[in-house]
Amino acid sequence: MKDDLSVRMILSVFEKIQDHGEHEEGRHVLEGVTGFTDHDGYTVFLEGYNVKLRTGFHNTYHLDYDSERAFENFVKKLKYIDQNYD
């Protein structure tokens, strides 16, 4: 399932969350996933379904989650956002 994630898709989902999500305290939320950046905009964060994802330089990302099920639900939701929002 981790192979299903790419930085390209992560950034695409982030952009769609920014465009279509509801603005809440400097962050945007869409379909239960929150997207935001750090103060300089270089690091993108996506959080939801008990999963935290952080993208960094050189097309890398870091995931933090407690269960495989939480991770799978998170990835399914990212794919849904990517496929169903322009």
PDB file of N, CA and C in Angstrom:
ATOM      1  N   MET A   1       0.826  -1.194   0.000  1.00  0.00           N
ATOM      2  CA  MET A   1       0.000   0.000   0.000  1.00  0.00           C
ATOM      3  C   MET A   1       0.869   1.256   0.000  1.00  0.00           C
ATOM      4  N   LYS A   2       2.032   1.201   0.631  1.00  0.00           N
ATOM      5  CA  LYS A   2       2.899   2.380   0.650  1.00  0.00           C
ATOM      6  C   LYS A   2       3.365   2.736  -0.753  1.00  0.00           C
ATOM      7  N   ASP A   3       3.467   1.723  -1.621  1.00  0.00           N
ATOM      8  CA  ASP A   3       3.873   1.985  -2.995  1.00  0.00           C
ATOM      9  C   ASP A   3       2.815   2.766  -3.761  1.00  0.00           C
ATOM     10  N   ASP A   4       1.598   2.822  -3.218  1.00  0.00           N
ATOM     11  CA  ASP A   4       0.517   3.560  -3.865  1.00  0.00           C
ATOM     12  C   ASP A   4       0.668   5.066  -3.693  1.00  0.00           C
ATOM     13  N   LEU A   5       1.544   5.490  -2.812  1.00  0.00           N
ATOM     14  CA  LEU A   5       1.745   6.918  -2.564  1.00  0.00           C
ATOM     15  C   LEU A   5       2.922   7.438  -3.378  1.00  0.00           C
ATOM     16  N   SER A   6       2.730   8.599  -3.964  1.00  0.00           N
ATOM     17  CA  SER A   6       3.827   9.296  -4.622  1.00  0.00           C
ATOM     18  C   SER A   6       3.766  10.752  -4.183  1.00  0.00           C
ATOM     19  N   VAL A   7       4.889  11.411  -4.212  1.00  0.00           N
ATOM     20  CA  VAL A   7       4.913  12.824  -3.835  1.00  0.00           C
ATOM     21  C   VAL A   7       4.036  13.622  -4.793  1.00  0.00           C
ATOM     22  N   ARG A   8       4.016  13.224  -6.033  1.00  0.00           N
ATOM     23  CA  ARG A   8       3.169  13.915  -7.015  1.00  0.00           C
ATOM     24  C   ARG A   8       1.696  13.850  -6.604  1.00  0.00           C
ATOM     25  N   MET A   9       1.220  12.651  -6.215  1.00  0.00           N
ATOM     26  CA  MET A   9      -0.170  12.517  -5.792  1.00  0.00           C
ATOM     27  C   MET A   9      -0.410  13.281  -4.495  1.00  0.00           C
ATOM     28  N   ILE A  10       0.519  13.207  -3.567  1.00  0.00           N
ATOM     29  CA  ILE A  10       0.381  13.914  -2.291  1.00  0.00           C
ATOM     30  C   ILE A  10       0.211  15.412  -2.535  1.00  0.00           C
ATOM     31  N   LEU A  11       1.037  15.976  -3.396  1.00  0.00           N
ATOM     32  CA  LEU A  11       0.947  17.412  -3.680  1.00  0.00           C
ATOM     33  C   LEU A  11      -0.331  17.754  -4.438  1.00  0.00           C
ATOM     34  N   SER A  12      -0.772  16.859  -5.302  1.00  0.00           N
ATOM     35  CA  SER A  12      -2.037  17.062  -6.006  1.00  0.00           C
ATOM     36  C   SER A  12      -3.203  17.091  -5.023  1.00  0.00           C
ATOM     37  N   VAL A  13      -3.215  16.154  -4.087  1.00  0.00           N
ATOM     38  CA  VAL A  13      -4.267  16.108  -3.072  1.00  0.00           C
ATOM     39  C   VAL A  13      -4.214  17.362  -2.207  1.00  0.00           C
ATOM     40  N   PHE A  14      -3.025  17.776  -1.817  1.00  0.00           N
ATOM     41  CA  PHE A  14      -2.885  18.990  -1.016  1.00  0.00           C
ATOM     42  C   PHE A  14      -3.506  20.188  -1.740  1.00  0.00           C
ATOM     43  N   GLU A  15      -3.209  20.323  -3.016  1.00  0.00           N
ATOM     44  CA  GLU A  15      -3.742  21.434  -3.801  1.00  0.00           C
ATOM     45  C   GLU A  15      -5.270  21.382  -3.863  1.00  0.00           C
ATOM     46  N   LYS A  16      -5.821  20.195  -4.019  1.00  0.00           N
ATOM     47  CA  LYS A  16      -7.279  20.041  -4.073  1.00  0.00           C
ATOM     48  C   LYS A  16      -7.920  20.356  -2.726  1.00  0.00           C
ATOM     49  N   ILE A  17      -7.247  20.001  -1.650  1.00  0.00           N
ATOM     50  CA  ILE A  17      -7.747  20.350  -0.317  1.00  0.00           C
ATOM     51  C   ILE A  17      -7.740  21.867  -0.151  1.00  0.00           C
ATOM     52  N   GLN A  18      -6.688  22.519  -0.627  1.00  0.00           N
ATOM     53  CA  GLN A  18      -6.618  23.983  -0.549  1.00  0.00           C
ATOM     54  C   GLN A  18      -7.725  24.632  -1.379  1.00  0.00           C
ATOM     55  N   ASP A  19      -8.005  24.071  -2.547  1.00  0.00           N
ATOM     56  CA  ASP A  19      -8.998  24.652  -3.455  1.00  0.00           C
ATOM     57  C   ASP A  19     -10.440  24.386  -3.026  1.00  0.00           C
ATOM     58  N   HIS A  20     -10.710  23.192  -2.513  1.00  0.00           N
ATOM     59  CA  HIS A  20     -12.092  22.775  -2.259  1.00  0.00           C
ATOM     60  C   HIS A  20     -12.446  22.623  -0.783  1.00  0.00           C
ATOM     61  N   GLY A  21     -11.447  22.615   0.080  1.00  0.00           N
ATOM     62  CA  GLY A  21     -11.704  22.383   1.495  1.00  0.00           C
ATOM     63  C   GLY A  21     -12.189  23.619   2.227  1.00  0.00           C
ATOM     64  N   GLU A  22     -12.701  23.388   3.412  1.00  0.00           N
ATOM     65  CA  GLU A  22     -13.135  24.487   4.271  1.00  0.00           C
ATOM     66  C   GLU A  22     -11.939  25.010   5.056  1.00  0.00           C
ATOM     67  N   HIS A  23     -11.832  26.333   5.129  1.00  0.00           N
ATOM     68  CA  HIS A  23     -10.718  26.974   5.829  1.00  0.00           C
ATOM     69  C   HIS A  23     -11.004  26.980   7.319  1.00  0.00           C
ATOM     70  N   GLU A  24     -10.094  26.410   8.097  1.00  0.00           N
ATOM     71  CA  GLU A  24     -10.236  26.360   9.551  1.00  0.00           C
ATOM     72  C   GLU A  24      -8.896  26.673  10.205  1.00  0.00           C
ATOM     73  N   GLU A  25      -8.789  27.833  10.808  1.00  0.00           N
ATOM     74  CA  GLU A  25      -7.600  28.224  11.573  1.00  0.00           C
ATOM     75  C   GLU A  25      -6.298  28.061  10.788  1.00  0.00           C
ATOM     76  N   GLY A  26      -6.246  28.596   9.580  1.00  0.00           N
ATOM     77  CA  GLY A  26      -5.031  28.551   8.778  1.00  0.00           C
ATOM     78  C   GLY A  26      -4.788  27.236   8.071  1.00  0.00           C
ATOM     79  N   ARG A  27      -5.739  26.334   8.163  1.00  0.00           N
ATOM     80  CA  ARG A  27      -5.636  25.028   7.518  1.00  0.00           C
ATOM     81  C   ARG A  27      -6.895  24.807   6.691  1.00  0.00           C
ATOM     82  N   HIS A  28      -6.832  23.877   5.777  1.00  0.00           N
ATOM     83  CA  HIS A  28      -7.998  23.514   4.982  1.00  0.00           C
ATOM     84  C   HIS A  28      -8.337  22.052   5.242  1.00  0.00           C
ATOM     85  N   VAL A  29      -9.644  21.760   5.289  1.00  0.00           N
ATOM     86  CA  VAL A  29     -10.115  20.402   5.571  1.00  0.00           C
ATOM     87  C   VAL A  29     -11.073  19.975   4.467  1.00  0.00           C
ATOM     88  N   LEU A  30     -10.835  18.787   3.916  1.00  0.00           N
ATOM     89  CA  LEU A  30     -11.689  18.221   2.877  1.00  0.00           C
ATOM     90  C   LEU A  30     -11.799  16.724   3.099  1.00  0.00           C
ATOM     91  N   GLU A  31     -13.016  16.221   3.177  1.00  0.00           N
ATOM     92  CA  GLU A  31     -13.251  14.775   3.318  1.00  0.00           C
ATOM     93  C   GLU A  31     -12.525  14.189   4.532  1.00  0.00           C
ATOM     94  N   GLY A  32     -12.380  14.978   5.592  1.00  0.00           N
ATOM     95  CA  GLY A  32     -11.736  14.489   6.802  1.00  0.00           C
ATOM     96  C   GLY A  32     -10.219  14.556   6.804  1.00  0.00           C
ATOM     97  N   VAL A  33      -9.635  15.124   5.747  1.00  0.00           N
ATOM     98  CA  VAL A  33      -8.177  15.265   5.656  1.00  0.00           C
ATOM     99  C   VAL A  33      -7.839  16.747   5.759  1.00  0.00           C
ATOM    100  N   THR A  34      -6.913  17.071   6.643  1.00  0.00           N
ATOM    101  CA  THR A  34      -6.465  18.442   6.853  1.00  0.00           C
ATOM    102  C   THR A  34      -5.147  18.656   6.124  1.00  0.00           C
ATOM    103  N   GLY A  35      -5.036  19.754   5.392  1.00  0.00           N
ATOM    104  CA  GLY A  35      -3.809  20.090   4.686  1.00  0.00           C
ATOM    105  C   GLY A  35      -3.297  21.450   5.115  1.00  0.00           C
ATOM    106  N   PHE A  36      -1.992  21.541   5.340  1.00  0.00           N
ATOM    107  CA  PHE A  36      -1.372  22.818   5.704  1.00  0.00           C
ATOM    108  C   PHE A  36       0.121  22.743   5.416  1.00  0.00           C
ATOM    109  N   THR A  37       0.790  23.892   5.482  1.00  0.00           N
ATOM    110  CA  THR A  37       2.236  23.947   5.276  1.00  0.00           C
ATOM    111  C   THR A  37       2.900  24.554   6.498  1.00  0.00           C
ATOM    112  N   ASP A  38       4.229  24.445   6.538  1.00  0.00           N
ATOM    113  CA  ASP A  38       4.963  25.124   7.599  1.00  0.00           C
ATOM    114  C   ASP A  38       5.041  26.607   7.250  1.00  0.00           C
ATOM    115  N   HIS A  39       5.721  27.384   8.068  1.00  0.00           N
ATOM    116  CA  HIS A  39       5.742  28.841   7.900  1.00  0.00           C
ATOM    117  C   HIS A  39       6.337  29.302   6.575  1.00  0.00           C
ATOM    118  N   ASP A  40       7.272  28.544   6.005  1.00  0.00           N
ATOM    119  CA  ASP A  40       7.880  28.968   4.745  1.00  0.00           C
ATOM    120  C   ASP A  40       7.260  28.293   3.524  1.00  0.00           C
ATOM    121  N   GLY A  41       6.337  27.365   3.736  1.00  0.00           N
ATOM    122  CA  GLY A  41       5.631  26.730   2.636  1.00  0.00           C
ATOM    123  C   GLY A  41       6.355  25.586   1.958  1.00  0.00           C
ATOM    124  N   TYR A  42       7.530  25.219   2.450  1.00  0.00           N
ATOM    125  CA  TYR A  42       8.296  24.147   1.817  1.00  0.00           C
ATOM    126  C   TYR A  42       7.879  22.751   2.253  1.00  0.00           C
ATOM    127  N   THR A  43       7.327  22.638   3.431  1.00  0.00           N
ATOM    128  CA  THR A  43       6.903  21.336   3.935  1.00  0.00           C
ATOM    129  C   THR A  43       5.385  21.289   3.943  1.00  0.00           C
ATOM    130  N   VAL A  44       4.833  20.243   3.339  1.00  0.00           N
ATOM    131  CA  VAL A  44       3.387  20.057   3.256  1.00  0.00           C
ATOM    132  C   VAL A  44       2.982  18.965   4.234  1.00  0.00           C
ATOM    133  N   PHE A  45       1.905  19.212   4.957  1.00  0.00           N
ATOM    134  CA  PHE A  45       1.378  18.241   5.916  1.00  0.00           C
ATOM    135  C   PHE A  45      -0.035  17.845   5.513  1.00  0.00           C
ATOM    136  N   LEU A  46      -0.325  16.558   5.596  1.00  0.00           N
ATOM    137  CA  LEU A  46      -1.682  16.042   5.456  1.00  0.00           C
ATOM    138  C   LEU A  46      -1.954  15.189   6.680  1.00  0.00           C
ATOM    139  N   GLU A  47      -3.100  15.403   7.314  1.00  0.00           N
ATOM    140  CA  GLU A  47      -3.443  14.651   8.521  1.00  0.00           C
ATOM    141  C   GLU A  47      -4.900  14.236   8.467  1.00  0.00           C
ATOM    142  N   GLY A  48      -5.157  13.047   8.963  1.00  0.00           N
ATOM    143  CA  GLY A  48      -6.524  12.563   9.071  1.00  0.00           C
ATOM    144  C   GLY A  48      -6.536  11.068   9.290  1.00  0.00           C
ATOM    145  N   TYR A  49      -7.653  10.569   9.812  1.00  0.00           N
ATOM    146  CA  TYR A  49      -7.818   9.129  10.012  1.00  0.00           C
ATOM    147  C   TYR A  49      -6.688   8.543  10.862  1.00  0.00           C
ATOM    148  N   ASN A  50      -6.224   9.318  11.850  1.00  0.00           N
ATOM    149  CA  ASN A  50      -5.146   8.914  12.764  1.00  0.00           C
ATOM    150  C   ASN A  50      -3.815   8.685  12.055  1.00  0.00           C
ATOM    151  N   VAL A  51      -3.595   9.432  10.980  1.00  0.00           N
ATOM    152  CA  VAL A  51      -2.344   9.357  10.223  1.00  0.00           C
ATOM    153  C   VAL A  51      -1.830  10.774  10.018  1.00  0.00           C
ATOM    154  N   LYS A  52      -0.507  10.931  10.122  1.00  0.00           N
ATOM    155  CA  LYS A  52       0.143  12.204   9.820  1.00  0.00           C
ATOM    156  C   LYS A  52       1.174  11.956   8.731  1.00  0.00           C
ATOM    157  N   LEU A  53       1.138  12.789   7.698  1.00  0.00           N
ATOM    158  CA  LEU A  53       2.067  12.669   6.585  1.00  0.00           C
ATOM    159  C   LEU A  53       2.767  14.008   6.406  1.00  0.00           C
ATOM    160  N   ARG A  54       4.076  13.955   6.222  1.00  0.00           N
ATOM    161  CA  ARG A  54       4.876  15.170   6.023  1.00  0.00           C
ATOM    162  C   ARG A  54       5.748  14.970   4.793  1.00  0.00           C
ATOM    163  N   THR A  55       5.676  15.883   3.846  1.00  0.00           N
ATOM    164  CA  THR A  55       6.554  15.813   2.683  1.00  0.00           C
ATOM    165  C   THR A  55       7.738  16.730   2.913  1.00  0.00           C
ATOM    166  N   GLY A  56       8.855  16.364   2.311  1.00  0.00           N
ATOM    167  CA  GLY A  56      10.057  17.161   2.465  1.00  0.00           C
ATOM    168  C   GLY A  56      10.726  17.387   1.130  1.00  0.00           C
ATOM    169  N   PHE A  57      11.965  17.774   1.197  1.00  0.00           N
ATOM    170  CA  PHE A  57      12.748  18.012  -0.009  1.00  0.00           C
ATOM    171  C   PHE A  57      13.081  16.695  -0.695  1.00  0.00           C
ATOM    172  N   HIS A  58      13.473  16.787  -1.946  1.00  0.00           N
ATOM    173  CA  HIS A  58      13.958  15.644  -2.721  1.00  0.00           C
ATOM    174  C   HIS A  58      12.927  14.529  -2.839  1.00  0.00           C
ATOM    175  N   ASN A  59      11.666  14.900  -2.991  1.00  0.00           N
ATOM    176  CA  ASN A  59      10.589  13.929  -3.198  1.00  0.00           C
ATOM    177  C   ASN A  59      10.528  12.869  -2.110  1.00  0.00           C
ATOM    178  N   THR A  60      10.620  13.294  -0.874  1.00  0.00           N
ATOM    179  CA  THR A  60      10.533  12.362   0.248  1.00  0.00           C
ATOM    180  C   THR A  60       9.296  12.676   1.074  1.00  0.00           C
ATOM    181  N   TYR A  61       8.839  11.681   1.810  1.00  0.00           N
ATOM    182  CA  TYR A  61       7.742  11.899   2.749  1.00  0.00           C
ATOM    183  C   TYR A  61       7.911  10.980   3.946  1.00  0.00           C
ATOM    184  N   HIS A  62       7.304  11.383   5.043  1.00  0.00           N
ATOM    185  CA  HIS A  62       7.358  10.611   6.286  1.00  0.00           C
ATOM    186  C   HIS A  62       5.931  10.391   6.764  1.00  0.00           C
ATOM    187  N   LEU A  63       5.634   9.163   7.176  1.00  0.00           N
ATOM    188  CA  LEU A  63       4.312   8.805   7.686  1.00  0.00           C
ATOM    189  C   LEU A  63       4.399   8.444   9.152  1.00  0.00           C
ATOM    190  N   ASP A  64       3.370   8.825   9.897  1.00  0.00           N
ATOM    191  CA  ASP A  64       3.262   8.450  11.303  1.00  0.00           C
ATOM    192  C   ASP A  64       1.844   7.938  11.528  1.00  0.00           C
ATOM    193  N   TYR A  65       1.726   6.658  11.905  1.00  0.00           N
ATOM    194  CA  TYR A  65       0.408   6.074  12.143  1.00  0.00           C
ATOM    195  C   TYR A  65       0.537   4.909  13.111  1.00  0.00           C
ATOM    196  N   ASP A  66      -0.583   4.602  13.770  1.00  0.00           N
ATOM    197  CA  ASP A  66      -0.580   3.553  14.789  1.00  0.00           C
ATOM    198  C   ASP A  66      -0.970   2.184  14.262  1.00  0.00           C
ATOM    199  N   SER A  67      -1.764   2.146  13.199  1.00  0.00           N
ATOM    200  CA  SER A  67      -2.208   0.843  12.702  1.00  0.00           C
ATOM    201  C   SER A  67      -2.229   0.828  11.181  1.00  0.00           C
ATOM    202  N   GLU A  68      -2.075  -0.355  10.643  1.00  0.00           N
ATOM    203  CA  GLU A  68      -2.120  -0.531   9.196  1.00  0.00           C
ATOM    204  C   GLU A  68      -3.502  -0.150   8.653  1.00  0.00           C
ATOM    205  N   ARG A  69      -4.525  -0.443   9.422  1.00  0.00           N
ATOM    206  CA  ARG A  69      -5.892  -0.102   9.003  1.00  0.00           C
ATOM    207  C   ARG A  69      -6.066   1.411   8.871  1.00  0.00           C
ATOM    208  N   ALA A  70      -5.545   2.162   9.833  1.00  0.00           N
ATOM    209  CA  ALA A  70      -5.622   3.625   9.760  1.00  0.00           C
ATOM    210  C   ALA A  70      -4.905   4.120   8.508  1.00  0.00           C
ATOM    211  N   PHE A  71      -3.738   3.571   8.259  1.00  0.00           N
ATOM    212  CA  PHE A  71      -2.974   3.956   7.073  1.00  0.00           C
ATOM    213  C   PHE A  71      -3.750   3.644   5.792  1.00  0.00           C
ATOM    214  N   GLU A  72      -4.330   2.456   5.709  1.00  0.00           N
ATOM    215  CA  GLU A  72      -5.085   2.066   4.517  1.00  0.00           C
ATOM    216  C   GLU A  72      -6.282   2.987   4.289  1.00  0.00           C
ATOM    217  N   ASN A  73      -6.994   3.340   5.354  1.00  0.00           N
ATOM    218  CA  ASN A  73      -8.132   4.255   5.226  1.00  0.00           C
ATOM    219  C   ASN A  73      -7.683   5.638   4.761  1.00  0.00           C
ATOM    220  N   PHE A  74      -6.549   6.086   5.269  1.00  0.00           N
ATOM    221  CA  PHE A  74      -5.995   7.382   4.882  1.00  0.00           C
ATOM    222  C   PHE A  74      -5.649   7.392   3.391  1.00  0.00           C
ATOM    223  N   VAL A  75      -4.967   6.362   2.940  1.00  0.00           N
ATOM    224  CA  VAL A  75      -4.578   6.288   1.527  1.00  0.00           C
ATOM    225  C   VAL A  75      -5.816   6.214   0.633  1.00  0.00           C
ATOM    226  N   LYS A  76      -6.811   5.448   1.042  1.00  0.00           N
ATOM    227  CA  LYS A  76      -8.058   5.373   0.262  1.00  0.00           C
ATOM    228  C   LYS A  76      -8.691   6.752   0.126  1.00  0.00           C
ATOM    229  N   LYS A  77      -8.679   7.518   1.197  1.00  0.00           N
ATOM    230  CA  LYS A  77      -9.274   8.854   1.152  1.00  0.00           C
ATOM    231  C   LYS A  77      -8.446   9.792   0.277  1.00  0.00           C
ATOM    232  N   LEU A  78      -7.122   9.691   0.338  1.00  0.00           N
ATOM    233  CA  LEU A  78      -6.287  10.516  -0.536  1.00  0.00           C
ATOM    234  C   LEU A  78      -6.577  10.200  -1.998  1.00  0.00           C
ATOM    235  N   LYS A  79      -6.694   8.924  -2.320  1.00  0.00           N
ATOM    236  CA  LYS A  79      -7.003   8.525  -3.699  1.00  0.00           C
ATOM    237  C   LYS A  79      -8.375   9.040  -4.120  1.00  0.00           C
ATOM    238  N   TYR A  80      -9.338   8.978  -3.206  1.00  0.00           N
ATOM    239  CA  TYR A  80     -10.680   9.470  -3.504  1.00  0.00           C
ATOM    240  C   TYR A  80     -10.638  10.962  -3.838  1.00  0.00           C
ATOM    241  N   ILE A  81      -9.952  11.726  -3.016  1.00  0.00           N
ATOM    242  CA  ILE A  81      -9.837  13.168  -3.260  1.00  0.00           C
ATOM    243  C   ILE A  81      -9.151  13.414  -4.595  1.00  0.00           C
ATOM    244  N   ASP A  82      -8.074  12.699  -4.851  1.00  0.00           N
ATOM    245  CA  ASP A  82      -7.318  12.886  -6.083  1.00  0.00           C
ATOM    246  C   ASP A  82      -8.171  12.599  -7.317  1.00  0.00           C
ATOM    247  N   GLN A  83      -9.010  11.585  -7.243  1.00  0.00           N
ATOM    248  CA  GLN A  83      -9.799  11.163  -8.406  1.00  0.00           C
ATOM    249  C   GLN A  83     -11.114  11.921  -8.567  1.00  0.00           C
ATOM    250  N   ASN A  84     -11.646  12.504  -7.500  1.00  0.00           N
ATOM    251  CA  ASN A  84     -12.987  13.071  -7.556  1.00  0.00           C
ATOM    252  C   ASN A  84     -13.065  14.591  -7.452  1.00  0.00           C
ATOM    253  N   TYR A  85     -11.951  15.249  -7.335  1.00  0.00           N
ATOM    254  CA  TYR A  85     -11.933  16.712  -7.294  1.00  0.00           C
ATOM    255  C   TYR A  85     -11.001  17.218  -8.391  1.00  0.00           C
ATOM    256  N   ASP A  86     -11.399  18.336  -8.992  1.00  0.00           N
ATOM    257  CA  ASP A  86     -10.564  18.942 -10.046  1.00  0.00           C
ATOM    258  C   ASP A  86      -9.662  19.994  -9.481  1.00  0.00           C
TER     259      ASP A  86
END
